[in-house]
Amino acid sequence: MTPCSEGEVNGVKTMVLRDTGSATCVVKTAQVKPEQMTGSYELCMLIDGVIKRYPTALVELKTPYYTGTVKALFMENPAQDIIIGSLW
């Protein structure tokens, strides 16, 4: 993981964490608009090895690591409002 940087989700400024050990993107639920929710879910293995099912959304990101629309898992209390994994 790298130190936190400033970024935006849906035009709202917030902090972003780059996690090179992750294969997905996570956004805090409070930052997701209802119309962005896809209605689908994906499994995610957390750092403690627990596998959980999370809903997905298509959100607009503007960060030093990625800018554009991304399918993200959304969680109530992630470590940071935006977590960017290895998306490419």
C-alpha atoms as a PDB file:
ATOM      1  CA  MET A   1       0.000   0.000   0.000  1.00  0.00           C
ATOM      2  CA  THR A   2       1.081   3.542  -0.601  1.00  0.00           C
ATOM      3  CA  PRO A   3       0.332   6.626   1.501  1.00  0.00           C
ATOM      4  CA  CYS A   4      -3.051   8.284   1.028  1.00  0.00           C
ATOM      5  CA  SER A   5      -3.569  10.909  -1.658  1.00  0.00           C
ATOM      6  CA  GLU A   6      -6.395  13.258  -2.518  1.00  0.00           C
ATOM      7  CA  GLY A   7      -8.954  12.161  -5.062  1.00  0.00           C
ATOM      8  CA  GLU A   8     -12.601  12.458  -6.025  1.00  0.00           C
ATOM      9  CA  VAL A   9     -15.513  10.065  -6.259  1.00  0.00           C
ATOM     10  CA  ASN A  10     -18.563  11.400  -8.095  1.00  0.00           C
ATOM     11  CA  GLY A  11     -17.098  14.916  -7.845  1.00  0.00           C
ATOM     12  CA  VAL A  12     -16.684  14.781  -4.043  1.00  0.00           C
ATOM     13  CA  LYS A  13     -13.124  15.296  -2.767  1.00  0.00           C
ATOM     14  CA  THR A  14     -11.890  12.583  -0.442  1.00  0.00           C
ATOM     15  CA  MET A  15      -8.830  10.522   0.398  1.00  0.00           C
ATOM     16  CA  VAL A  16      -7.702   7.606  -1.744  1.00  0.00           C
ATOM     17  CA  LEU A  17      -5.466   4.666  -0.897  1.00  0.00           C
ATOM     18  CA  ARG A  18      -3.534   2.707  -3.545  1.00  0.00           C
ATOM     19  CA  ASP A  19      -3.398  -0.992  -2.658  1.00  0.00           C
ATOM     20  CA  THR A  20      -1.180  -2.848  -5.127  1.00  0.00           C
ATOM     21  CA  GLY A  21      -2.032  -6.138  -3.403  1.00  0.00           C
ATOM     22  CA  SER A  22      -5.709  -5.807  -4.274  1.00  0.00           C
ATOM     23  CA  ALA A  23      -7.385  -6.760  -7.545  1.00  0.00           C
ATOM     24  CA  THR A  24     -10.451  -4.542  -7.139  1.00  0.00           C
ATOM     25  CA  CYS A  25     -11.667  -1.056  -6.308  1.00  0.00           C
ATOM     26  CA  VAL A  26     -13.604  -0.209  -3.136  1.00  0.00           C
ATOM     27  CA  VAL A  27     -15.691   2.900  -2.447  1.00  0.00           C
ATOM     28  CA  LYS A  28     -17.404   3.877   0.799  1.00  0.00           C
ATOM     29  CA  THR A  29     -21.175   3.301   0.586  1.00  0.00           C
ATOM     30  CA  ALA A  30     -21.924   6.923   1.523  1.00  0.00           C
ATOM     31  CA  GLN A  31     -20.155   8.050  -1.688  1.00  0.00           C
ATOM     32  CA  VAL A  32     -22.317   5.901  -3.998  1.00  0.00           C
ATOM     33  CA  LYS A  33     -25.473   7.311  -5.615  1.00  0.00           C
ATOM     34  CA  PRO A  34     -28.479   4.944  -5.742  1.00  0.00           C
ATOM     35  CA  GLU A  35     -28.600   5.108  -9.556  1.00  0.00           C
ATOM     36  CA  GLN A  36     -24.979   3.882  -9.718  1.00  0.00           C
ATOM     37  CA  MET A  37     -25.735   0.605  -7.959  1.00  0.00           C
ATOM     38  CA  THR A  38     -25.647  -2.314 -10.395  1.00  0.00           C
ATOM     39  CA  GLY A  39     -27.732  -4.769  -8.383  1.00  0.00           C
ATOM     40  CA  SER A  40     -24.942  -7.363  -8.625  1.00  0.00           C
ATOM     41  CA  TYR A  41     -22.510  -8.646  -6.014  1.00  0.00           C
ATOM     42  CA  GLU A  42     -18.914  -9.887  -6.020  1.00  0.00           C
ATOM     43  CA  LEU A  43     -16.870 -11.895  -3.565  1.00  0.00           C
ATOM     44  CA  CYS A  44     -13.882 -10.244  -1.911  1.00  0.00           C
ATOM     45  CA  MET A  45     -11.226 -11.818   0.299  1.00  0.00           C
ATOM     46  CA  LEU A  46     -10.301  -9.445   3.096  1.00  0.00           C
ATOM     47  CA  ILE A  47      -6.844  -9.100   4.636  1.00  0.00           C
ATOM     48  CA  ASP A  48      -7.745 -11.566   7.412  1.00  0.00           C
ATOM     49  CA  GLY A  49      -8.687 -14.241   4.857  1.00  0.00           C
ATOM     50  CA  VAL A  50     -12.450 -13.901   5.353  1.00  0.00           C
ATOM     51  CA  ILE A  51     -14.455 -13.956   2.103  1.00  0.00           C
ATOM     52  CA  LYS A  52     -17.453 -11.628   1.973  1.00  0.00           C
ATOM     53  CA  ARG A  53     -20.000 -10.695  -0.674  1.00  0.00           C
ATOM     54  CA  TYR A  54     -20.281  -6.984  -1.531  1.00  0.00           C
ATOM     55  CA  PRO A  55     -22.598  -5.037  -3.857  1.00  0.00           C
ATOM     56  CA  THR A  56     -21.128  -3.251  -6.879  1.00  0.00           C
ATOM     57  CA  ALA A  57     -21.614   0.181  -8.411  1.00  0.00           C
ATOM     58  CA  LEU A  58     -20.315   2.093 -11.432  1.00  0.00           C
ATOM     59  CA  VAL A  59     -18.681   5.244 -10.042  1.00  0.00           C
ATOM     60  CA  GLU A  60     -16.693   8.147 -11.438  1.00  0.00           C
ATOM     61  CA  LEU A  61     -13.186   8.438 -10.013  1.00  0.00           C
ATOM     62  CA  LYS A  62     -10.544  11.098 -10.411  1.00  0.00           C
ATOM     63  CA  THR A  63      -7.383  10.039  -8.598  1.00  0.00           C
ATOM     64  CA  PRO A  64      -3.620  10.097  -9.179  1.00  0.00           C
ATOM     65  CA  TYR A  65      -3.883   6.345  -9.900  1.00  0.00           C
ATOM     66  CA  TYR A  66      -6.994   6.104 -12.089  1.00  0.00           C
ATOM     67  CA  THR A  67      -9.472   8.484 -13.688  1.00  0.00           C
ATOM     68  CA  GLY A  68     -12.742   7.381 -15.256  1.00  0.00           C
ATOM     69  CA  THR A  69     -15.673   5.080 -14.622  1.00  0.00           C
ATOM     70  CA  VAL A  70     -14.940   1.930 -12.665  1.00  0.00           C
ATOM     71  CA  LYS A  71     -16.962  -0.954 -11.271  1.00  0.00           C
ATOM     72  CA  ALA A  72     -16.305  -0.841  -7.540  1.00  0.00           C
ATOM     73  CA  LEU A  73     -17.369  -2.813  -4.525  1.00  0.00           C
ATOM     74  CA  PHE A  74     -19.015  -0.619  -1.959  1.00  0.00           C
ATOM     75  CA  MET A  75     -18.520  -1.086   1.775  1.00  0.00           C
ATOM     76  CA  GLU A  76     -19.830   0.703   4.871  1.00  0.00           C
ATOM     77  CA  ASN A  77     -16.458   1.209   6.586  1.00  0.00           C
ATOM     78  CA  PRO A  78     -13.453   0.636   4.314  1.00  0.00           C
ATOM     79  CA  ALA A  79      -9.983   1.678   5.502  1.00  0.00           C
ATOM     80  CA  GLN A  80     -10.265   4.733   3.215  1.00  0.00           C
ATOM     81  CA  ASP A  81     -13.163   6.266   1.218  1.00  0.00           C
ATOM     82  CA  ILE A  82     -11.563   5.037  -2.033  1.00  0.00           C
ATOM     83  CA  ILE A  83      -9.209   2.081  -2.338  1.00  0.00           C
ATOM     84  CA  ILE A  84      -7.667   1.514  -5.762  1.00  0.00           C
ATOM     85  CA  GLY A  85      -6.345  -1.971  -6.507  1.00  0.00           C
ATOM     86  CA  SER A  86      -4.573  -3.192  -9.631  1.00  0.00           C
ATOM     87  CA  LEU A  87      -7.329  -2.445 -12.145  1.00  0.00           C
ATOM     88  CA  TRP A  88      -5.272  -2.983 -15.289  1.00  0.00           C
END
